[in-house]
Amino acid sequence: MLKAKEERQMALEERVACIEGILGQMDKRLTNVETAVSNLRDKIDQKFEIANEKSDQFKTEINEKFDQLKSEIVRNNRWLIGIIIATWITTILTVLYR
Protein backbone atom coordinates (compact mmCIF):
# COMPACT_ATOMS: atom_id res chain seq x y z
CA MET A 1 0.00 0.00 0.00
CA LEU A 2 2.81 2.37 0.87
CA LYS A 3 4.55 1.60 -2.39
CA ALA A 4 1.44 2.39 -4.44
CA LYS A 5 1.07 5.65 -2.56
CA GLU A 6 4.71 6.53 -3.26
CA GLU A 7 4.24 5.66 -6.93
CA ARG A 8 1.20 7.91 -7.12
CA GLN A 9 3.18 10.63 -5.34
CA MET A 10 6.04 10.25 -7.86
CA ALA A 11 3.59 10.28 -10.78
CA LEU A 12 1.97 13.40 -9.37
CA GLU A 13 5.37 15.08 -8.97
CA GLU A 14 6.25 14.16 -12.56
CA ARG A 15 2.98 15.63 -13.78
CA VAL A 16 3.53 18.81 -11.77
CA ALA A 17 7.07 19.07 -13.15
CA CYS A 18 5.70 18.59 -16.67
CA ILE A 19 3.07 21.27 -16.09
CA GLU A 20 5.74 23.61 -14.69
CA GLY A 21 7.81 23.04 -17.82
CA ILE A 22 4.83 23.74 -20.04
CA LEU A 23 4.05 26.91 -18.07
CA GLY A 24 7.67 28.01 -18.47
CA GLN A 25 7.42 27.52 -22.23
CA MET A 26 4.12 29.38 -22.32
CA ASP A 27 5.69 32.25 -20.38
CA LYS A 28 8.52 32.48 -22.90
CA ARG A 29 6.08 32.39 -25.81
CA LEU A 30 3.87 35.04 -24.26
CA THR A 31 6.92 37.20 -23.66
CA ASN A 32 7.83 36.81 -27.33
CA VAL A 33 4.27 37.70 -28.35
CA GLU A 34 4.29 40.77 -26.10
CA THR A 35 7.61 41.87 -27.59
CA ALA A 36 6.29 41.36 -31.13
CA VAL A 37 3.11 43.31 -30.37
CA SER A 38 5.15 46.11 -28.83
CA ASN A 39 7.39 46.24 -31.90
CA LEU A 40 4.36 46.31 -34.20
CA ARG A 41 2.83 49.09 -32.13
CA ASP A 42 6.04 51.10 -32.46
CA LYS A 43 6.10 50.55 -36.23
CA ILE A 44 2.47 51.58 -36.54
CA ASP A 45 3.15 54.71 -34.48
CA GLN A 46 6.07 55.56 -36.76
CA LYS A 47 3.90 55.08 -39.84
CA PHE A 48 1.22 57.35 -38.38
CA GLU A 49 3.83 59.99 -37.58
CA ILE A 50 5.11 59.82 -41.16
CA ALA A 51 1.54 60.03 -42.48
CA ASN A 52 0.83 63.04 -40.24
CA GLU A 53 3.99 64.77 -41.43
CA LYS A 54 3.06 64.13 -45.06
CA SER A 55 -0.47 65.35 -44.40
CA ASP A 56 0.83 68.53 -42.77
CA GLN A 57 3.22 69.07 -45.67
CA PHE A 58 0.37 68.55 -48.15
CA LYS A 59 -1.82 71.04 -46.26
CA THR A 60 0.99 73.58 -46.34
CA GLU A 61 1.46 73.10 -50.08
CA ILE A 62 -2.28 73.43 -50.71
CA ASN A 63 -2.43 76.61 -48.62
CA GLU A 64 0.50 78.05 -50.56
CA LYS A 65 -1.22 77.23 -53.86
CA PHE A 66 -4.45 78.86 -52.68
CA ASP A 67 -2.54 81.96 -51.58
CA GLN A 68 -0.89 82.15 -55.01
CA LEU A 69 -4.27 81.72 -56.67
CA LYS A 70 -5.82 84.45 -54.51
CA SER A 71 -3.03 86.89 -55.32
CA GLU A 72 -3.36 86.09 -59.03
CA ILE A 73 -7.12 86.68 -58.88
CA VAL A 74 -6.59 90.02 -57.12
CA ARG A 75 -4.00 91.05 -59.70
CA ASN A 76 -6.28 90.08 -62.59
CA ASN A 77 -9.22 91.90 -61.00
CA ARG A 78 -7.13 95.07 -60.76
CA TRP A 79 -6.35 94.81 -64.47
CA LEU A 80 -10.00 94.15 -65.27
CA ILE A 81 -11.20 97.11 -63.19
CA GLY A 82 -8.57 99.33 -64.82
CA ILE A 83 -9.69 98.29 -68.30
CA ILE A 84 -13.37 98.82 -67.41
CA ILE A 85 -12.65 102.31 -66.04
CA ALA A 86 -10.58 103.21 -69.11
CA THR A 87 -13.40 101.98 -71.36
CA TRP A 88 -15.99 104.03 -69.45
CA ILE A 89 -13.85 107.14 -69.61
CA THR A 90 -13.29 106.64 -73.33
CA THR A 91 -17.01 106.08 -73.91
CA ILE A 92 -18.02 109.13 -71.88
CA LEU A 93 -15.44 111.34 -73.60
CA THR A 94 -16.58 110.07 -77.01
CA VAL A 95 -20.20 110.89 -76.20
CA LEU A 96 -19.32 114.32 -74.78
CA TYR A 97 -17.13 115.42 -77.69
CA ARG A 98 -19.33 114.25 -80.57
PDB file of N, CA and C in Angstrom:
ATOM      1  N   MET A   1       0.812  -1.182   0.000  1.00  0.00           N
ATOM      2  CA  MET A   1       0.000   0.000   0.000  1.00  0.00           C
ATOM      3  C   MET A   1       0.862   1.255   0.000  1.00  0.00           C
ATOM      4  N   LEU A   2       1.912   1.221   0.787  1.00  0.00           N
ATOM      5  CA  LEU A   2       2.809   2.371   0.867  1.00  0.00           C
ATOM      6  C   LEU A   2       3.515   2.585  -0.457  1.00  0.00           C
ATOM      7  N   LYS A   3       3.855   1.499  -1.111  1.00  0.00           N
ATOM      8  CA  LYS A   3       4.553   1.597  -2.389  1.00  0.00           C
ATOM      9  C   LYS A   3       3.639   2.214  -3.444  1.00  0.00           C
ATOM     10  N   ALA A   4       2.387   1.832  -3.473  1.00  0.00           N
ATOM     11  CA  ALA A   4       1.437   2.390  -4.441  1.00  0.00           C
ATOM     12  C   ALA A   4       1.243   3.875  -4.185  1.00  0.00           C
ATOM     13  N   LYS A   5       1.217   4.236  -2.915  1.00  0.00           N
ATOM     14  CA  LYS A   5       1.069   5.645  -2.564  1.00  0.00           C
ATOM     15  C   LYS A   5       2.292   6.427  -3.010  1.00  0.00           C
ATOM     16  N   GLU A   6       3.474   5.866  -2.826  1.00  0.00           N
ATOM     17  CA  GLU A   6       4.709   6.525  -3.261  1.00  0.00           C
ATOM     18  C   GLU A   6       4.742   6.655  -4.786  1.00  0.00           C
ATOM     19  N   GLU A   7       4.270   5.606  -5.471  1.00  0.00           N
ATOM     20  CA  GLU A   7       4.240   5.657  -6.935  1.00  0.00           C
ATOM     21  C   GLU A   7       3.286   6.748  -7.417  1.00  0.00           C
ATOM     22  N   ARG A   8       2.145   6.845  -6.746  1.00  0.00           N
ATOM     23  CA  ARG A   8       1.201   7.906  -7.116  1.00  0.00           C
ATOM     24  C   ARG A   8       1.789   9.281  -6.821  1.00  0.00           C
ATOM     25  N   GLN A   9       2.521   9.371  -5.714  1.00  0.00           N
ATOM     26  CA  GLN A   9       3.180  10.632  -5.343  1.00  0.00           C
ATOM     27  C   GLN A   9       4.215  10.992  -6.391  1.00  0.00           C
ATOM     28  N   MET A  10       5.011  10.008  -6.845  1.00  0.00           N
ATOM     29  CA  MET A  10       6.036  10.252  -7.862  1.00  0.00           C
ATOM     30  C   MET A  10       5.379  10.649  -9.191  1.00  0.00           C
ATOM     31  N   ALA A  11       4.289   9.959  -9.538  1.00  0.00           N
ATOM     32  CA  ALA A  11       3.586  10.280 -10.783  1.00  0.00           C
ATOM     33  C   ALA A  11       3.024  11.695 -10.711  1.00  0.00           C
ATOM     34  N   LEU A  12       2.500  12.057  -9.551  1.00  0.00           N
ATOM     35  CA  LEU A  12       1.974  13.401  -9.366  1.00  0.00           C
ATOM     36  C   LEU A  12       3.087  14.432  -9.477  1.00  0.00           C
ATOM     37  N   GLU A  13       4.240  14.153  -8.894  1.00  0.00           N
ATOM     38  CA  GLU A  13       5.375  15.083  -8.974  1.00  0.00           C
ATOM     39  C   GLU A  13       5.859  15.225 -10.413  1.00  0.00           C
ATOM     40  N   GLU A  14       5.855  14.101 -11.148  1.00  0.00           N
ATOM     41  CA  GLU A  14       6.249  14.161 -12.557  1.00  0.00           C
ATOM     42  C   GLU A  14       5.263  15.015 -13.357  1.00  0.00           C
ATOM     43  N   ARG A  15       3.997  14.836 -13.075  1.00  0.00           N
ATOM     44  CA  ARG A  15       2.979  15.628 -13.775  1.00  0.00           C
ATOM     45  C   ARG A  15       3.125  17.113 -13.450  1.00  0.00           C
ATOM     46  N   VAL A  16       3.347  17.410 -12.179  1.00  0.00           N
ATOM     47  CA  VAL A  16       3.530  18.810 -11.768  1.00  0.00           C
ATOM     48  C   VAL A  16       4.766  19.387 -12.439  1.00  0.00           C
ATOM     49  N   ALA A  17       5.850  18.606 -12.495  1.00  0.00           N
ATOM     50  CA  ALA A  17       7.071  19.074 -13.153  1.00  0.00           C
ATOM     51  C   ALA A  17       6.812  19.312 -14.636  1.00  0.00           C
ATOM     52  N   CYS A  18       6.049  18.428 -15.253  1.00  0.00           N
ATOM     53  CA  CYS A  18       5.704  18.592 -16.672  1.00  0.00           C
ATOM     54  C   CYS A  18       4.878  19.858 -16.868  1.00  0.00           C
ATOM     55  N   ILE A  19       3.910  20.068 -16.000  1.00  0.00           N
ATOM     56  CA  ILE A  19       3.074  21.274 -16.086  1.00  0.00           C
ATOM     57  C   ILE A  19       3.921  22.524 -15.870  1.00  0.00           C
ATOM     58  N   GLU A  20       4.850  22.467 -14.915  1.00  0.00           N
ATOM     59  CA  GLU A  20       5.736  23.611 -14.688  1.00  0.00           C
ATOM     60  C   GLU A  20       6.575  23.907 -15.927  1.00  0.00           C
ATOM     61  N   GLY A  21       7.049  22.850 -16.584  1.00  0.00           N
ATOM     62  CA  GLY A  21       7.815  23.036 -17.820  1.00  0.00           C
ATOM     63  C   GLY A  21       6.968  23.670 -18.912  1.00  0.00           C
ATOM     64  N   ILE A  22       5.746  23.188 -19.033  1.00  0.00           N
ATOM     65  CA  ILE A  22       4.831  23.743 -20.036  1.00  0.00           C
ATOM     66  C   ILE A  22       4.540  25.211 -19.730  1.00  0.00           C
ATOM     67  N   LEU A  23       4.310  25.513 -18.455  1.00  0.00           N
ATOM     68  CA  LEU A  23       4.054  26.905 -18.074  1.00  0.00           C
ATOM     69  C   LEU A  23       5.264  27.790 -18.361  1.00  0.00           C
ATOM     70  N   GLY A  24       6.460  27.251 -18.143  1.00  0.00           N
ATOM     71  CA  GLY A  24       7.674  28.011 -18.467  1.00  0.00           C
ATOM     72  C   GLY A  24       7.755  28.313 -19.956  1.00  0.00           C
ATOM     73  N   GLN A  25       7.417  27.308 -20.780  1.00  0.00           N
ATOM     74  CA  GLN A  25       7.416  27.520 -22.232  1.00  0.00           C
ATOM     75  C   GLN A  25       6.350  28.539 -22.631  1.00  0.00           C
ATOM     76  N   MET A  26       5.187  28.431 -22.005  1.00  0.00           N
ATOM     77  CA  MET A  26       4.119  29.384 -22.320  1.00  0.00           C
ATOM     78  C   MET A  26       4.524  30.800 -21.933  1.00  0.00           C
ATOM     79  N   ASP A  27       5.220  30.928 -20.810  1.00  0.00           N
ATOM     80  CA  ASP A  27       5.686  32.247 -20.375  1.00  0.00           C
ATOM     81  C   ASP A  27       6.650  32.836 -21.398  1.00  0.00           C
ATOM     82  N   LYS A  28       7.574  32.006 -21.887  1.00  0.00           N
ATOM     83  CA  LYS A  28       8.523  32.478 -22.902  1.00  0.00           C
ATOM     84  C   LYS A  28       7.789  32.889 -24.175  1.00  0.00           C
ATOM     85  N   ARG A  29       6.829  32.074 -24.589  1.00  0.00           N
ATOM     86  CA  ARG A  29       6.078  32.385 -25.812  1.00  0.00           C
ATOM     87  C   ARG A  29       5.275  33.669 -25.649  1.00  0.00           C
ATOM     88  N   LEU A  30       4.638  33.820 -24.497  1.00  0.00           N
ATOM     89  CA  LEU A  30       3.869  35.044 -24.260  1.00  0.00           C
ATOM     90  C   LEU A  30       4.774  36.268 -24.222  1.00  0.00           C
ATOM     91  N   THR A  31       5.965  36.101 -23.659  1.00  0.00           N
ATOM     92  CA  THR A  31       6.925  37.204 -23.660  1.00  0.00           C
ATOM     93  C   THR A  31       7.301  37.569 -25.091  1.00  0.00           C
ATOM     94  N   ASN A  32       7.514  36.551 -25.922  1.00  0.00           N
ATOM     95  CA  ASN A  32       7.825  36.812 -27.334  1.00  0.00           C
ATOM     96  C   ASN A  32       6.661  37.509 -28.038  1.00  0.00           C
ATOM     97  N   VAL A  33       5.446  37.072 -27.740  1.00  0.00           N
ATOM     98  CA  VAL A  33       4.271  37.700 -28.350  1.00  0.00           C
ATOM     99  C   VAL A  33       4.152  39.155 -27.897  1.00  0.00           C
ATOM    100  N   GLU A  34       4.356  39.395 -26.608  1.00  0.00           N
ATOM    101  CA  GLU A  34       4.291  40.766 -26.096  1.00  0.00           C
ATOM    102  C   GLU A  34       5.339  41.647 -26.757  1.00  0.00           C
ATOM    103  N   THR A  35       6.541  41.113 -26.931  1.00  0.00           N
ATOM    104  CA  THR A  35       7.607  41.867 -27.595  1.00  0.00           C
ATOM    105  C   THR A  35       7.230  42.163 -29.041  1.00  0.00           C
ATOM    106  N   ALA A  36       6.690  41.165 -29.727  1.00  0.00           N
ATOM    107  CA  ALA A  36       6.288  41.356 -31.127  1.00  0.00           C
ATOM    108  C   ALA A  36       5.177  42.397 -31.238  1.00  0.00           C
ATOM    109  N   VAL A  37       4.205  42.331 -30.345  1.00  0.00           N
ATOM    110  CA  VAL A  37       3.108  43.306 -30.366  1.00  0.00           C
ATOM    111  C   VAL A  37       3.643  44.705 -30.082  1.00  0.00           C
ATOM    112  N   SER A  38       4.550  44.810 -29.139  1.00  0.00           N
ATOM    113  CA  SER A  38       5.149  46.110 -28.827  1.00  0.00           C
ATOM    114  C   SER A  38       5.906  46.665 -30.029  1.00  0.00           C
ATOM    115  N   ASN A  39       6.663  45.802 -30.708  1.00  0.00           N
ATOM    116  CA  ASN A  39       7.394  46.240 -31.904  1.00  0.00           C
ATOM    117  C   ASN A  39       6.430  46.685 -33.004  1.00  0.00           C
ATOM    118  N   LEU A  40       5.362  45.930 -33.194  1.00  0.00           N
ATOM    119  CA  LEU A  40       4.363  46.311 -34.197  1.00  0.00           C
ATOM    120  C   LEU A  40       3.713  47.644 -33.848  1.00  0.00           C
ATOM    121  N   ARG A  41       3.425  47.828 -32.572  1.00  0.00           N
ATOM    122  CA  ARG A  41       2.828  49.089 -32.129  1.00  0.00           C
ATOM    123  C   ARG A  41       3.773  50.250 -32.427  1.00  0.00           C
ATOM    124  N   ASP A  42       5.062  50.050 -32.168  1.00  0.00           N
ATOM    125  CA  ASP A  42       6.043  51.099 -32.460  1.00  0.00           C
ATOM    126  C   ASP A  42       6.095  51.400 -33.955  1.00  0.00           C
ATOM    127  N   LYS A  43       6.073  50.345 -34.769  1.00  0.00           N
ATOM    128  CA  LYS A  43       6.104  50.551 -36.225  1.00  0.00           C
ATOM    129  C   LYS A  43       4.861  51.290 -36.703  1.00  0.00           C
ATOM    130  N   ILE A  44       3.715  50.915 -36.157  1.00  0.00           N
ATOM    131  CA  ILE A  44       2.471  51.584 -36.544  1.00  0.00           C
ATOM    132  C   ILE A  44       2.517  53.052 -36.133  1.00  0.00           C
ATOM    133  N   ASP A  45       3.020  53.322 -34.925  1.00  0.00           N
ATOM    134  CA  ASP A  45       3.149  54.712 -34.481  1.00  0.00           C
ATOM    135  C   ASP A  45       4.062  55.501 -35.406  1.00  0.00           C
ATOM    136  N   GLN A  46       5.165  54.890 -35.829  1.00  0.00           N
ATOM    137  CA  GLN A  46       6.072  55.559 -36.761  1.00  0.00           C
ATOM    138  C   GLN A  46       5.374  55.846 -38.082  1.00  0.00           C
ATOM    139  N   LYS A  47       4.610  54.887 -38.575  1.00  0.00           N
ATOM    140  CA  LYS A  47       3.896  55.079 -39.844  1.00  0.00           C
ATOM    141  C   LYS A  47       2.879  56.212 -39.717  1.00  0.00           C
ATOM    142  N   PHE A  48       2.178  56.271 -38.577  1.00  0.00           N
ATOM    143  CA  PHE A  48       1.219  57.349 -38.381  1.00  0.00           C
ATOM    144  C   PHE A  48       1.924  58.700 -38.294  1.00  0.00           C
ATOM    145  N   GLU A  49       3.082  58.743 -37.647  1.00  0.00           N
ATOM    146  CA  GLU A  49       3.832  59.994 -37.580  1.00  0.00           C
ATOM    147  C   GLU A  49       4.246  60.440 -38.975  1.00  0.00           C
ATOM    148  N   ILE A  50       4.722  59.499 -39.786  1.00  0.00           N
ATOM    149  CA  ILE A  50       5.113  59.825 -41.164  1.00  0.00           C
ATOM    150  C   ILE A  50       3.894  60.312 -41.943  1.00  0.00           C
ATOM    151  N   ALA A  51       2.765  59.629 -41.772  1.00  0.00           N
ATOM    152  CA  ALA A  51       1.541  60.032 -42.476  1.00  0.00           C
ATOM    153  C   ALA A  51       1.094  61.421 -42.032  1.00  0.00           C
ATOM    154  N   ASN A  52       1.197  61.712 -40.733  1.00  0.00           N
ATOM    155  CA  ASN A  52       0.828  63.037 -40.235  1.00  0.00           C
ATOM    156  C   ASN A  52       1.749  64.109 -40.797  1.00  0.00           C
ATOM    157  N   GLU A  53       3.049  63.808 -40.866  1.00  0.00           N
ATOM    158  CA  GLU A  53       3.993  64.772 -41.426  1.00  0.00           C
ATOM    159  C   GLU A  53       3.678  65.035 -42.896  1.00  0.00           C
ATOM    160  N   LYS A  54       3.398  63.968 -43.645  1.00  0.00           N
ATOM    161  CA  LYS A  54       3.056  64.134 -45.063  1.00  0.00           C
ATOM    162  C   LYS A  54       1.760  64.918 -45.214  1.00  0.00           C
ATOM    163  N   SER A  55       0.802  64.638 -44.354  1.00  0.00           N
ATOM    164  CA  SER A  55      -0.472  65.354 -44.399  1.00  0.00           C
ATOM    165  C   SER A  55      -0.266  66.835 -44.105  1.00  0.00           C
ATOM    166  N   ASP A  56       0.540  67.136 -43.095  1.00  0.00           N
ATOM    167  CA  ASP A  56       0.833  68.533 -42.773  1.00  0.00           C
ATOM    168  C   ASP A  56       1.550  69.220 -43.924  1.00  0.00           C
ATOM    169  N   GLN A  57       2.488  68.521 -44.534  1.00  0.00           N
ATOM    170  CA  GLN A  57       3.218  69.071 -45.674  1.00  0.00           C
ATOM    171  C   GLN A  57       2.254  69.331 -46.837  1.00  0.00           C
ATOM    172  N   PHE A  58       1.349  68.396 -47.078  1.00  0.00           N
ATOM    173  CA  PHE A  58       0.373  68.552 -48.152  1.00  0.00           C
ATOM    174  C   PHE A  58      -0.536  69.748 -47.877  1.00  0.00           C
ATOM    175  N   LYS A  59      -0.981  69.895 -46.623  1.00  0.00           N
ATOM    176  CA  LYS A  59      -1.822  71.035 -46.260  1.00  0.00           C
ATOM    177  C   LYS A  59      -1.085  72.343 -46.495  1.00  0.00           C
ATOM    178  N   THR A  60       0.185  72.376 -46.127  1.00  0.00           N
ATOM    179  CA  THR A  60       0.986  73.579 -46.336  1.00  0.00           C
ATOM    180  C   THR A  60       1.096  73.896 -47.820  1.00  0.00           C
ATOM    181  N   GLU A  61       1.356  72.887 -48.634  1.00  0.00           N
ATOM    182  CA  GLU A  61       1.460  73.102 -50.078  1.00  0.00           C
ATOM    183  C   GLU A  61       0.138  73.593 -50.655  1.00  0.00           C
ATOM    184  N   ILE A  62      -0.961  73.009 -50.217  1.00  0.00           N
ATOM    185  CA  ILE A  62      -2.277  73.427 -50.707  1.00  0.00           C
ATOM    186  C   ILE A  62      -2.548  74.874 -50.308  1.00  0.00           C
ATOM    187  N   ASN A  63      -2.234  75.230 -49.063  1.00  0.00           N
ATOM    188  CA  ASN A  63      -2.434  76.609 -48.618  1.00  0.00           C
ATOM    189  C   ASN A  63      -1.592  77.578 -49.430  1.00  0.00           C
ATOM    190  N   GLU A  64      -0.348  77.197 -49.736  1.00  0.00           N
ATOM    191  CA  GLU A  64       0.501  78.049 -50.562  1.00  0.00           C
ATOM    192  C   GLU A  64      -0.099  78.227 -51.949  1.00  0.00           C
ATOM    193  N   LYS A  65      -0.602  77.148 -52.534  1.00  0.00           N
ATOM    194  CA  LYS A  65      -1.221  77.234 -53.864  1.00  0.00           C
ATOM    195  C   LYS A  65      -2.460  78.130 -53.831  1.00  0.00           C
ATOM    196  N   PHE A  66      -3.275  78.002 -52.793  1.00  0.00           N
ATOM    197  CA  PHE A  66      -4.452  78.862 -52.682  1.00  0.00           C
ATOM    198  C   PHE A  66      -4.048  80.322 -52.515  1.00  0.00           C
ATOM    199  N   ASP A  67      -3.012  80.581 -51.729  1.00  0.00           N
ATOM    200  CA  ASP A  67      -2.536  81.955 -51.576  1.00  0.00           C
ATOM    201  C   ASP A  67      -2.061  82.515 -52.911  1.00  0.00           C
ATOM    202  N   GLN A  68      -1.340  81.708 -53.686  1.00  0.00           N
ATOM    203  CA  GLN A  68      -0.893  82.147 -55.008  1.00  0.00           C
ATOM    204  C   GLN A  68      -2.091  82.422 -55.912  1.00  0.00           C
ATOM    205  N   LEU A  69      -3.075  81.545 -55.848  1.00  0.00           N
ATOM    206  CA  LEU A  69      -4.268  81.715 -56.670  1.00  0.00           C
ATOM    207  C   LEU A  69      -5.023  82.985 -56.280  1.00  0.00           C
ATOM    208  N   LYS A  70      -5.150  83.238 -54.977  1.00  0.00           N
ATOM    209  CA  LYS A  70      -5.824  84.449 -54.513  1.00  0.00           C
ATOM    210  C   LYS A  70      -5.101  85.699 -55.002  1.00  0.00           C
ATOM    211  N   SER A  71      -3.781  85.705 -54.882  1.00  0.00           N
ATOM    212  CA  SER A  71      -3.033  86.888 -55.320  1.00  0.00           C
ATOM    213  C   SER A  71      -3.150  87.076 -56.827  1.00  0.00           C
ATOM    214  N   GLU A  72      -3.187  85.991 -57.581  1.00  0.00           N
ATOM    215  CA  GLU A  72      -3.357  86.094 -59.031  1.00  0.00           C
ATOM    216  C   GLU A  72      -4.749  86.629 -59.374  1.00  0.00           C
ATOM    217  N   ILE A  73      -5.763  86.183 -58.655  1.00  0.00           N
ATOM    218  CA  ILE A  73      -7.122  86.682 -58.884  1.00  0.00           C
ATOM    219  C   ILE A  73      -7.195  88.170 -58.578  1.00  0.00           C
ATOM    220  N   VAL A  74      -6.599  88.595 -57.473  1.00  0.00           N
ATOM    221  CA  VAL A  74      -6.594  90.017 -57.117  1.00  0.00           C
ATOM    222  C   VAL A  74      -5.888  90.825 -58.197  1.00  0.00           C
ATOM    223  N   ARG A  75      -4.752  90.345 -58.662  1.00  0.00           N
ATOM    224  CA  ARG A  75      -3.998  91.053 -59.704  1.00  0.00           C
ATOM    225  C   ARG A  75      -4.811  91.152 -60.988  1.00  0.00           C
ATOM    226  N   ASN A  76      -5.457  90.062 -61.378  1.00  0.00           N
ATOM    227  CA  ASN A  76      -6.279  90.078 -62.591  1.00  0.00           C
ATOM    228  C   ASN A  76      -7.502  90.979 -62.432  1.00  0.00           C
ATOM    229  N   ASN A  77      -8.081  91.010 -61.245  1.00  0.00           N
ATOM    230  CA  ASN A  77      -9.222  91.898 -61.003  1.00  0.00           C
ATOM    231  C   ASN A  77      -8.806  93.358 -61.110  1.00  0.00           C
ATOM    232  N   ARG A  78      -7.623  93.685 -60.634  1.00  0.00           N
ATOM    233  CA  ARG A  78      -7.132  95.066 -60.762  1.00  0.00           C
ATOM    234  C   ARG A  78      -7.021  95.448 -62.231  1.00  0.00           C
ATOM    235  N   TRP A  79      -6.458  94.547 -63.029  1.00  0.00           N
ATOM    236  CA  TRP A  79      -6.352  94.812 -64.467  1.00  0.00           C
ATOM    237  C   TRP A  79      -7.735  94.979 -65.080  1.00  0.00           C
ATOM    238  N   LEU A  80      -8.649  94.105 -64.715  1.00  0.00           N
ATOM    239  CA  LEU A  80     -10.003  94.154 -65.268  1.00  0.00           C
ATOM    240  C   LEU A  80     -10.695  95.459 -64.895  1.00  0.00           C
ATOM    241  N   ILE A  81     -10.598  95.851 -63.632  1.00  0.00           N
ATOM    242  CA  ILE A  81     -11.203  97.110 -63.191  1.00  0.00           C
ATOM    243  C   ILE A  81     -10.565  98.288 -63.921  1.00  0.00           C
ATOM    244  N   GLY A  82      -9.253  98.253 -64.082  1.00  0.00           N
ATOM    245  CA  GLY A  82      -8.566  99.326 -64.821  1.00  0.00           C
ATOM    246  C   GLY A  82      -9.048  99.420 -66.258  1.00  0.00           C
ATOM    247  N   ILE A  83      -9.207  98.294 -66.908  1.00  0.00           N
ATOM    248  CA  ILE A  83      -9.687  98.286 -68.302  1.00  0.00           C
ATOM    249  C   ILE A  83     -11.125  98.783 -68.373  1.00  0.00           C
ATOM    250  N   ILE A  84     -11.970  98.367 -67.425  1.00  0.00           N
ATOM    251  CA  ILE A  84     -13.367  98.824 -67.412  1.00  0.00           C
ATOM    252  C   ILE A  84     -13.428 100.333 -67.219  1.00  0.00           C
ATOM    253  N   ILE A  85     -12.656 100.864 -66.277  1.00  0.00           N
ATOM    254  CA  ILE A  85     -12.655 102.314 -66.036  1.00  0.00           C
ATOM    255  C   ILE A  85     -12.156 103.055 -67.269  1.00  0.00           C
ATOM    256  N   ALA A  86     -11.095 102.557 -67.891  1.00  0.00           N
ATOM    257  CA  ALA A  86     -10.582 103.206 -69.106  1.00  0.00           C
ATOM    258  C   ALA A  86     -11.626 103.172 -70.216  1.00  0.00           C
ATOM    259  N   THR A  87     -12.349 102.077 -70.339  1.00  0.00           N
ATOM    260  CA  THR A  87     -13.401 101.976 -71.360  1.00  0.00           C
ATOM    261  C   THR A  87     -14.528 102.958 -71.071  1.00  0.00           C
ATOM    262  N   TRP A  88     -14.939 103.081 -69.807  1.00  0.00           N
ATOM    263  CA  TRP A  88     -15.994 104.032 -69.448  1.00  0.00           C
ATOM    264  C   TRP A  88     -15.568 105.465 -69.755  1.00  0.00           C
ATOM    265  N   ILE A  89     -14.348 105.775 -69.358  1.00  0.00           N
ATOM    266  CA  ILE A  89     -13.854 107.135 -69.612  1.00  0.00           C
ATOM    267  C   ILE A  89     -13.829 107.413 -71.111  1.00  0.00           C
ATOM    268  N   THR A  90     -13.341 106.464 -71.877  1.00  0.00           N
ATOM    269  CA  THR A  90     -13.289 106.645 -73.329  1.00  0.00           C
ATOM    270  C   THR A  90     -14.694 106.798 -73.901  1.00  0.00           C
ATOM    271  N   THR A  91     -15.625 105.990 -73.424  1.00  0.00           N
ATOM    272  CA  THR A  91     -17.008 106.078 -73.914  1.00  0.00           C
ATOM    273  C   THR A  91     -17.628 107.417 -73.544  1.00  0.00           C
ATOM    274  N   ILE A  92     -17.459 107.855 -72.323  1.00  0.00           N
ATOM    275  CA  ILE A  92     -18.019 109.135 -71.876  1.00  0.00           C
ATOM    276  C   ILE A  92     -17.409 110.288 -72.667  1.00  0.00           C
ATOM    277  N   LEU A  93     -16.087 110.270 -72.835  1.00  0.00           N
ATOM    278  CA  LEU A  93     -15.440 111.341 -73.600  1.00  0.00           C
ATOM    279  C   LEU A  93     -15.894 111.327 -75.058  1.00  0.00           C
ATOM    280  N   THR A  94     -16.101 110.160 -75.619  1.00  0.00           N
ATOM    281  CA  THR A  94     -16.576 110.067 -77.005  1.00  0.00           C
ATOM    282  C   THR A  94     -17.970 110.658 -77.127  1.00  0.00           C
ATOM    283  N   VAL A  95     -18.840 110.361 -76.171  1.00  0.00           N
ATOM    284  CA  VAL A  95     -20.203 110.887 -76.198  1.00  0.00           C
ATOM    285  C   VAL A  95     -20.190 112.397 -75.987  1.00  0.00           C
ATOM    286  N   LEU A  96     -19.364 112.888 -75.075  1.00  0.00           N
ATOM    287  CA  LEU A  96     -19.323 114.324 -74.780  1.00  0.00           C
ATOM    288  C   LEU A  96     -18.765 115.139 -75.941  1.00  0.00           C
ATOM    289  N   TYR A  97     -17.777 114.642 -76.642  1.00  0.00           N
ATOM    290  CA  TYR A  97     -17.126 115.422 -77.692  1.00  0.00           C
ATOM    291  C   TYR A  97     -17.667 115.124 -79.083  1.00  0.00           C
ATOM    292  N   ARG A  98     -18.739 114.495 -79.245  1.00  0.00           N
ATOM    293  CA  ARG A  98     -19.335 114.253 -80.565  1.00  0.00           C
ATOM    294  C   ARG A  98     -20.307 115.262 -80.894  1.00  0.00           C
TER     295      ARG A  98
END
